[in-house]
Amino acid sequence: MAGEEQQVYAIIAFVLVMTLAYLDIRISATVILALEGVSMLLVVTACGIVLAKGGFHGHAFSSASFRPGGVSLCARPRDRLVVLDLLRV
């Protein structure tokens, strides 16, 4: 039952899109722009709701991901000594 209903909606949407494309490009462009605006508004609203509730699994905006937290900037300790020797010169 649900599959047949979806097919009817798909056919109606196809006929509507083809009619808009056939009539005038300005109408098609305006409809597409309006639909994109609505979709962007929904995405921004969803992001706002998630952040207002504390973020995804409690991870809200913070600078924690940009702080190294005790990690050296050098890959190996030997490289760190070379860098320190170059700084002394």
N, C-alpha and C. Protein backbone atom coordinates (compact mmCIF):
# COMPACT_ATOMS: atom_id res chain seq x y z
N MET A 1 0.82 -1.19 0.00
CA MET A 1 0.00 0.00 0.00
C MET A 1 0.87 1.26 0.00
N ALA A 2 1.90 1.27 0.83
CA ALA A 2 2.74 2.47 0.92
C ALA A 2 3.57 2.67 -0.35
N GLY A 3 3.98 1.58 -0.98
CA GLY A 3 4.78 1.68 -2.20
C GLY A 3 3.99 2.31 -3.34
N GLU A 4 2.71 1.95 -3.44
CA GLU A 4 1.87 2.52 -4.49
C GLU A 4 1.63 4.01 -4.23
N GLU A 5 1.48 4.36 -2.97
CA GLU A 5 1.26 5.77 -2.63
C GLU A 5 2.50 6.60 -2.96
N GLN A 6 3.68 6.06 -2.72
CA GLN A 6 4.91 6.76 -3.04
C GLN A 6 5.07 6.93 -4.54
N GLN A 7 4.65 5.95 -5.30
CA GLN A 7 4.73 6.05 -6.75
C GLN A 7 3.82 7.16 -7.27
N VAL A 8 2.65 7.29 -6.68
CA VAL A 8 1.72 8.36 -7.08
C VAL A 8 2.35 9.71 -6.79
N TYR A 9 2.94 9.88 -5.60
CA TYR A 9 3.60 11.14 -5.26
C TYR A 9 4.77 11.43 -6.20
N ALA A 10 5.51 10.40 -6.56
CA ALA A 10 6.64 10.58 -7.47
C ALA A 10 6.17 11.02 -8.85
N ILE A 11 5.09 10.43 -9.33
CA ILE A 11 4.56 10.82 -10.64
C ILE A 11 4.04 12.24 -10.62
N ILE A 12 3.34 12.61 -9.53
CA ILE A 12 2.84 13.99 -9.40
C ILE A 12 4.00 14.98 -9.36
N ALA A 13 5.04 14.65 -8.60
CA ALA A 13 6.21 15.54 -8.52
C ALA A 13 6.89 15.65 -9.87
N PHE A 14 7.01 14.54 -10.60
CA PHE A 14 7.64 14.56 -11.91
C PHE A 14 6.86 15.44 -12.88
N VAL A 15 5.54 15.30 -12.90
CA VAL A 15 4.71 16.12 -13.79
C VAL A 15 4.83 17.59 -13.42
N LEU A 16 4.85 17.90 -12.11
CA LEU A 16 4.98 19.29 -11.67
C LEU A 16 6.32 19.87 -12.10
N VAL A 17 7.39 19.12 -11.92
CA VAL A 17 8.72 19.60 -12.30
C VAL A 17 8.82 19.79 -13.81
N MET A 18 8.31 18.86 -14.57
CA MET A 18 8.37 18.98 -16.03
C MET A 18 7.52 20.17 -16.51
N THR A 19 6.38 20.42 -15.89
CA THR A 19 5.54 21.56 -16.26
C THR A 19 6.26 22.87 -15.97
N LEU A 20 6.89 22.95 -14.78
CA LEU A 20 7.63 24.17 -14.44
C LEU A 20 8.80 24.39 -15.39
N ALA A 21 9.49 23.32 -15.75
CA ALA A 21 10.63 23.44 -16.67
C ALA A 21 10.17 23.85 -18.06
N TYR A 22 9.01 23.40 -18.46
CA TYR A 22 8.51 23.72 -19.80
C TYR A 22 8.00 25.16 -19.88
N LEU A 23 7.37 25.65 -18.81
CA LEU A 23 6.76 26.98 -18.85
C LEU A 23 7.78 28.10 -18.98
N ASP A 24 8.64 28.20 -17.99
CA ASP A 24 9.58 29.33 -18.00
C ASP A 24 10.71 29.02 -17.04
N ILE A 25 11.91 29.37 -17.43
CA ILE A 25 13.07 29.11 -16.58
C ILE A 25 13.04 29.99 -15.32
N ARG A 26 12.45 31.18 -15.42
CA ARG A 26 12.38 32.05 -14.24
C ARG A 26 11.53 31.43 -13.14
N ILE A 27 10.43 30.81 -13.52
CA ILE A 27 9.59 30.15 -12.53
C ILE A 27 10.35 28.99 -11.89
N SER A 28 11.02 28.19 -12.72
CA SER A 28 11.78 27.05 -12.21
C SER A 28 12.89 27.52 -11.27
N ALA A 29 13.60 28.55 -11.67
CA ALA A 29 14.69 29.06 -10.84
C ALA A 29 14.18 29.60 -9.52
N THR A 30 13.05 30.28 -9.55
CA THR A 30 12.47 30.83 -8.32
C THR A 30 12.02 29.72 -7.39
N VAL A 31 11.39 28.70 -7.93
CA VAL A 31 10.95 27.58 -7.10
C VAL A 31 12.15 26.86 -6.49
N ILE A 32 13.17 26.60 -7.29
CA ILE A 32 14.37 25.93 -6.77
C ILE A 32 15.05 26.77 -5.69
N LEU A 33 15.16 28.07 -5.92
CA LEU A 33 15.76 28.96 -4.94
C LEU A 33 14.96 28.97 -3.64
N ALA A 34 13.66 29.01 -3.73
CA ALA A 34 12.81 28.99 -2.53
C ALA A 34 12.96 27.67 -1.77
N LEU A 35 12.98 26.55 -2.50
CA LEU A 35 13.14 25.26 -1.84
C LEU A 35 14.51 25.12 -1.18
N GLU A 36 15.55 25.62 -1.83
CA GLU A 36 16.88 25.58 -1.23
C GLU A 36 16.95 26.47 0.01
N GLY A 37 16.29 27.61 -0.04
CA GLY A 37 16.25 28.48 1.14
C GLY A 37 15.56 27.81 2.31
N VAL A 38 14.47 27.12 2.03
CA VAL A 38 13.76 26.40 3.10
C VAL A 38 14.62 25.27 3.65
N SER A 39 15.31 24.54 2.78
CA SER A 39 16.15 23.44 3.26
C SER A 39 17.32 23.97 4.09
N MET A 40 17.91 25.09 3.69
CA MET A 40 19.00 25.67 4.48
C MET A 40 18.50 26.14 5.83
N LEU A 41 17.31 26.72 5.85
CA LEU A 41 16.72 27.17 7.11
C LEU A 41 16.48 25.99 8.05
N LEU A 42 16.01 24.86 7.51
CA LEU A 42 15.80 23.67 8.33
C LEU A 42 17.11 23.13 8.90
N VAL A 43 18.16 23.12 8.08
CA VAL A 43 19.46 22.63 8.56
C VAL A 43 20.02 23.54 9.65
N VAL A 44 19.95 24.85 9.44
CA VAL A 44 20.45 25.80 10.45
C VAL A 44 19.63 25.69 11.73
N THR A 45 18.34 25.50 11.61
CA THR A 45 17.49 25.34 12.80
C THR A 45 17.86 24.06 13.55
N ALA A 46 18.07 22.96 12.83
CA ALA A 46 18.46 21.70 13.47
C ALA A 46 19.81 21.85 14.18
N CYS A 47 20.76 22.52 13.55
CA CYS A 47 22.07 22.75 14.18
C CYS A 47 21.93 23.60 15.43
N GLY A 48 21.10 24.62 15.35
CA GLY A 48 20.87 25.47 16.52
C GLY A 48 20.25 24.71 17.68
N ILE A 49 19.31 23.83 17.38
CA ILE A 49 18.67 23.04 18.44
C ILE A 49 19.68 22.09 19.08
N VAL A 50 20.51 21.45 18.26
CA VAL A 50 21.51 20.53 18.80
C VAL A 50 22.50 21.28 19.69
N LEU A 51 22.97 22.43 19.24
CA LEU A 51 23.93 23.21 20.04
C LEU A 51 23.28 23.78 21.29
N ALA A 52 22.01 24.16 21.22
CA ALA A 52 21.32 24.69 22.39
C ALA A 52 21.14 23.62 23.47
N LYS A 53 21.06 22.37 23.06
CA LYS A 53 20.90 21.27 24.02
C LYS A 53 22.24 20.72 24.50
N GLY A 54 23.33 21.37 24.15
CA GLY A 54 24.64 20.95 24.65
C GLY A 54 25.50 20.27 23.62
N GLY A 55 25.10 20.25 22.39
CA GLY A 55 25.90 19.65 21.33
C GLY A 55 25.68 18.15 21.22
N PHE A 56 26.34 17.56 20.26
CA PHE A 56 26.25 16.13 20.01
C PHE A 56 26.94 15.37 21.12
N HIS A 57 26.21 14.58 21.88
CA HIS A 57 26.71 13.83 23.04
C HIS A 57 27.41 14.75 24.04
N GLY A 58 26.90 15.96 24.19
CA GLY A 58 27.46 16.90 25.16
C GLY A 58 28.68 17.66 24.68
N HIS A 59 29.04 17.54 23.42
CA HIS A 59 30.21 18.24 22.90
C HIS A 59 29.76 19.53 22.22
N ALA A 60 29.67 20.58 22.98
CA ALA A 60 29.27 21.87 22.43
C ALA A 60 30.51 22.59 21.90
N PHE A 61 30.34 23.86 21.52
CA PHE A 61 31.48 24.63 21.03
C PHE A 61 32.52 24.78 22.14
N SER A 62 33.75 24.49 21.82
CA SER A 62 34.85 24.73 22.74
C SER A 62 36.15 24.74 21.93
N SER A 63 37.19 25.22 22.58
CA SER A 63 38.49 25.25 21.90
C SER A 63 39.33 24.03 22.27
N ALA A 64 38.74 23.04 22.92
CA ALA A 64 39.49 21.86 23.38
C ALA A 64 40.14 21.11 22.22
N SER A 65 39.50 21.07 21.09
CA SER A 65 40.07 20.32 19.96
C SER A 65 41.28 21.03 19.36
N PHE A 66 41.48 22.29 19.67
CA PHE A 66 42.60 23.04 19.12
C PHE A 66 43.77 23.13 20.10
N ARG A 67 43.61 22.64 21.32
CA ARG A 67 44.69 22.63 22.31
C ARG A 67 45.38 21.27 22.28
N PRO A 68 46.71 21.24 22.15
CA PRO A 68 47.39 19.95 22.05
C PRO A 68 47.35 19.12 23.33
N GLY A 69 47.19 19.69 24.48
CA GLY A 69 47.05 18.93 25.72
C GLY A 69 48.28 18.12 26.09
N GLY A 70 49.46 18.72 26.08
CA GLY A 70 50.68 18.03 26.48
C GLY A 70 51.37 17.27 25.36
N VAL A 71 50.86 17.34 24.18
CA VAL A 71 51.49 16.65 23.05
C VAL A 71 52.55 17.56 22.47
N SER A 72 53.72 16.99 22.22
CA SER A 72 54.82 17.76 21.66
C SER A 72 54.53 18.07 20.19
N LEU A 73 55.05 19.16 19.72
CA LEU A 73 54.88 19.52 18.32
C LEU A 73 55.81 18.73 17.41
N CYS A 74 56.80 18.05 17.99
CA CYS A 74 57.72 17.24 17.21
C CYS A 74 57.26 15.78 17.20
N ALA A 75 57.53 15.10 16.12
CA ALA A 75 57.10 13.70 15.99
C ALA A 75 57.95 12.78 16.85
N ARG A 76 59.26 13.06 16.95
CA ARG A 76 60.15 12.20 17.71
C ARG A 76 60.97 13.06 18.67
N PRO A 77 61.35 12.54 19.83
CA PRO A 77 62.15 13.33 20.79
C PRO A 77 63.47 13.79 20.19
N ARG A 78 64.09 12.98 19.32
CA ARG A 78 65.36 13.36 18.71
C ARG A 78 65.19 14.62 17.87
N ASP A 79 64.07 14.72 17.15
CA ASP A 79 63.80 15.91 16.35
C ASP A 79 63.66 17.13 17.24
N ARG A 80 63.10 16.93 18.42
CA ARG A 80 62.92 18.05 19.33
C ARG A 80 64.27 18.62 19.75
N LEU A 81 65.23 17.73 19.97
CA LEU A 81 66.56 18.20 20.36
C LEU A 81 67.21 18.97 19.21
N VAL A 82 67.02 18.51 17.99
CA VAL A 82 67.58 19.21 16.83
C VAL A 82 66.96 20.59 16.73
N VAL A 83 65.66 20.70 16.92
CA VAL A 83 64.99 21.99 16.85
C VAL A 83 65.51 22.91 17.94
N LEU A 84 65.69 22.38 19.14
CA LEU A 84 66.20 23.21 20.24
C LEU A 84 67.63 23.66 19.95
N ASP A 85 68.46 22.80 19.36
CA ASP A 85 69.83 23.19 19.01
C ASP A 85 69.83 24.29 17.97
N LEU A 86 68.91 24.23 16.99
CA LEU A 86 68.84 25.26 15.97
C LEU A 86 68.39 26.59 16.57
N LEU A 87 67.55 26.54 17.58
CA LEU A 87 67.09 27.78 18.20
C LEU A 87 68.18 28.46 19.00
N ARG A 88 69.14 27.70 19.51
CA ARG A 88 70.23 28.29 20.30
C ARG A 88 71.23 29.03 19.46
N VAL A 89 71.33 28.74 18.19
CA VAL A 89 72.32 29.36 17.31
C VAL A 89 72.01 30.80 17.05
